[in-house]
Amino acid sequence: MKYPDATWTPGPAGKQGYAGTNVRTGEGAVLHSMEGSLEAALGELNRPERQASWHFSNPKAGPLLQHYETEAVAWHAGGAANRLYIGIEH
């Protein structure tokens, strides 16, 4: 699902899911502290060799950004947590 109040800024399609698991099964979120600029964080998200992705970026200024649908498994907190929770960088 796309959150209606977020600006859709898709992340790379290949940086989500695991073999046999593409849909989150839990409820809740893991909040991460983004260090540095938003541009640097988005650079990490879009760097193909970096195995990291998250659903939302909440910058200091500007709109909330959504990179993956909320049902998707993103790579932000380790295997089991990724399958359960939405990842939010702020």
C-alpha atoms as a PDB file:
ATOM      1  CA  MET A   1       0.000   0.000   0.000  1.00  0.00           C
ATOM      2  CA  LYS A   2       1.148   3.503  -0.738  1.00  0.00           C
ATOM      3  CA  TYR A   3       0.686   5.972   2.091  1.00  0.00           C
ATOM      4  CA  PRO A   4      -1.366   8.857   0.608  1.00  0.00           C
ATOM      5  CA  ASP A   5       0.494  11.628   2.467  1.00  0.00           C
ATOM      6  CA  ALA A   6       3.940  10.481   1.312  1.00  0.00           C
ATOM      7  CA  THR A   7       5.758  11.355  -1.886  1.00  0.00           C
ATOM      8  CA  TRP A   8       6.407   8.163  -3.867  1.00  0.00           C
ATOM      9  CA  THR A   9      10.160   7.893  -4.511  1.00  0.00           C
ATOM     10  CA  PRO A  10      10.691   4.229  -5.443  1.00  0.00           C
ATOM     11  CA  GLY A  11      13.754   2.316  -4.333  1.00  0.00           C
ATOM     12  CA  PRO A  12      15.431  -0.288  -6.533  1.00  0.00           C
ATOM     13  CA  ALA A  13      13.106  -3.223  -7.229  1.00  0.00           C
ATOM     14  CA  GLY A  14      15.865  -5.742  -6.513  1.00  0.00           C
ATOM     15  CA  LYS A  15      16.378  -4.515  -2.945  1.00  0.00           C
ATOM     16  CA  GLN A  16      13.303  -6.089  -1.378  1.00  0.00           C
ATOM     17  CA  GLY A  17      12.076  -9.526  -0.377  1.00  0.00           C
ATOM     18  CA  TYR A  18      13.828 -12.848   0.174  1.00  0.00           C
ATOM     19  CA  ALA A  19      13.494 -16.113  -1.675  1.00  0.00           C
ATOM     20  CA  GLY A  20       9.977 -17.282  -0.867  1.00  0.00           C
ATOM     21  CA  THR A  21       9.130 -14.203   1.236  1.00  0.00           C
ATOM     22  CA  ASN A  22       8.068 -11.003  -0.464  1.00  0.00           C
ATOM     23  CA  VAL A  23       5.234  -9.897   1.828  1.00  0.00           C
ATOM     24  CA  ARG A  24       5.603  -8.644   5.411  1.00  0.00           C
ATOM     25  CA  THR A  25       3.717 -10.719   7.971  1.00  0.00           C
ATOM     26  CA  GLY A  26       3.844  -8.535  11.087  1.00  0.00           C
ATOM     27  CA  GLU A  27       2.657  -5.211  12.366  1.00  0.00           C
ATOM     28  CA  GLY A  28       4.805  -2.381  13.624  1.00  0.00           C
ATOM     29  CA  ALA A  29       7.850  -0.386  12.596  1.00  0.00           C
ATOM     30  CA  VAL A  30      11.551  -0.092  13.287  1.00  0.00           C
ATOM     31  CA  LEU A  31      12.733   3.513  13.538  1.00  0.00           C
ATOM     32  CA  HIS A  32      16.290   4.204  12.415  1.00  0.00           C
ATOM     33  CA  SER A  33      18.295   7.419  12.814  1.00  0.00           C
ATOM     34  CA  MET A  34      19.535   8.663   9.467  1.00  0.00           C
ATOM     35  CA  GLU A  35      22.978  10.234   9.731  1.00  0.00           C
ATOM     36  CA  GLY A  36      24.099  12.876   7.284  1.00  0.00           C
ATOM     37  CA  SER A  37      22.067  14.385   4.495  1.00  0.00           C
ATOM     38  CA  LEU A  38      18.946  13.023   2.851  1.00  0.00           C
ATOM     39  CA  GLU A  39      20.874  12.924  -0.425  1.00  0.00           C
ATOM     40  CA  ALA A  40      23.502  10.656   1.149  1.00  0.00           C
ATOM     41  CA  ALA A  41      20.837   8.316   2.532  1.00  0.00           C
ATOM     42  CA  LEU A  42      19.105   8.085  -0.827  1.00  0.00           C
ATOM     43  CA  GLY A  43      22.501   7.426  -2.394  1.00  0.00           C
ATOM     44  CA  GLU A  44      22.878   4.413  -0.074  1.00  0.00           C
ATOM     45  CA  LEU A  45      19.379   3.221  -0.924  1.00  0.00           C
ATOM     46  CA  ASN A  46      20.130   3.388  -4.637  1.00  0.00           C
ATOM     47  CA  ARG A  47      23.660   1.926  -4.474  1.00  0.00           C
ATOM     48  CA  PRO A  48      23.241  -1.579  -5.995  1.00  0.00           C
ATOM     49  CA  GLU A  49      25.966  -3.287  -3.956  1.00  0.00           C
ATOM     50  CA  ARG A  50      24.599  -1.978  -0.620  1.00  0.00           C
ATOM     51  CA  GLN A  51      22.189  -4.510   0.909  1.00  0.00           C
ATOM     52  CA  ALA A  52      19.992  -1.960   2.631  1.00  0.00           C
ATOM     53  CA  SER A  53      16.509  -0.640   1.925  1.00  0.00           C
ATOM     54  CA  TRP A  54      13.637   0.840   3.910  1.00  0.00           C
ATOM     55  CA  HIS A  55      10.037   1.833   3.356  1.00  0.00           C
ATOM     56  CA  PHE A  56      10.055   5.517   4.364  1.00  0.00           C
ATOM     57  CA  SER A  57      12.491   8.401   4.717  1.00  0.00           C
ATOM     58  CA  ASN A  58      11.359  11.186   7.037  1.00  0.00           C
ATOM     59  CA  PRO A  59      13.670  14.144   6.337  1.00  0.00           C
ATOM     60  CA  LYS A  60      14.183  17.180   8.586  1.00  0.00           C
ATOM     61  CA  ALA A  61      12.537  19.344   5.939  1.00  0.00           C
ATOM     62  CA  GLY A  62      10.202  18.425   3.137  1.00  0.00           C
ATOM     63  CA  PRO A  63       7.670  15.682   2.599  1.00  0.00           C
ATOM     64  CA  LEU A  64       7.741  12.129   3.897  1.00  0.00           C
ATOM     65  CA  LEU A  65       9.178   9.881   1.168  1.00  0.00           C
ATOM     66  CA  GLN A  66       7.974   6.332   0.520  1.00  0.00           C
ATOM     67  CA  HIS A  67      10.302   3.910  -1.298  1.00  0.00           C
ATOM     68  CA  TYR A  68       8.463   0.562  -1.078  1.00  0.00           C
ATOM     69  CA  GLU A  69       4.859  -0.444  -0.549  1.00  0.00           C
ATOM     70  CA  THR A  70       4.096  -1.164   3.102  1.00  0.00           C
ATOM     71  CA  GLU A  71       3.512  -4.873   2.389  1.00  0.00           C
ATOM     72  CA  ALA A  72       7.002  -5.289   0.900  1.00  0.00           C
ATOM     73  CA  VAL A  73       9.893  -6.855   2.809  1.00  0.00           C
ATOM     74  CA  ALA A  74      12.678  -4.242   2.932  1.00  0.00           C
ATOM     75  CA  TRP A  75      16.231  -4.881   4.188  1.00  0.00           C
ATOM     76  CA  HIS A  76      16.608  -2.572   7.173  1.00  0.00           C
ATOM     77  CA  ALA A  77      16.869  -4.560  10.422  1.00  0.00           C
ATOM     78  CA  GLY A  78      17.965  -8.137   9.740  1.00  0.00           C
ATOM     79  CA  GLY A  79      16.148 -11.226   8.460  1.00  0.00           C
ATOM     80  CA  ALA A  80      13.381 -11.893  10.995  1.00  0.00           C
ATOM     81  CA  ALA A  81      12.661  -8.207  11.707  1.00  0.00           C
ATOM     82  CA  ASN A  82      12.618  -7.372   7.990  1.00  0.00           C
ATOM     83  CA  ARG A  83       9.867  -9.918   7.454  1.00  0.00           C
ATOM     84  CA  LEU A  84       7.760  -8.342  10.202  1.00  0.00           C
ATOM     85  CA  TYR A  85       8.273  -4.575  10.359  1.00  0.00           C
ATOM     86  CA  ILE A  86       8.210  -1.436   8.251  1.00  0.00           C
ATOM     87  CA  GLY A  87      11.530   0.430   8.183  1.00  0.00           C
ATOM     88  CA  ILE A  88      11.518   4.196   8.717  1.00  0.00           C
ATOM     89  CA  GLU A  89      14.650   6.315   8.436  1.00  0.00           C
ATOM     90  CA  HIS A  90      14.417   9.713  10.136  1.00  0.00           C
END
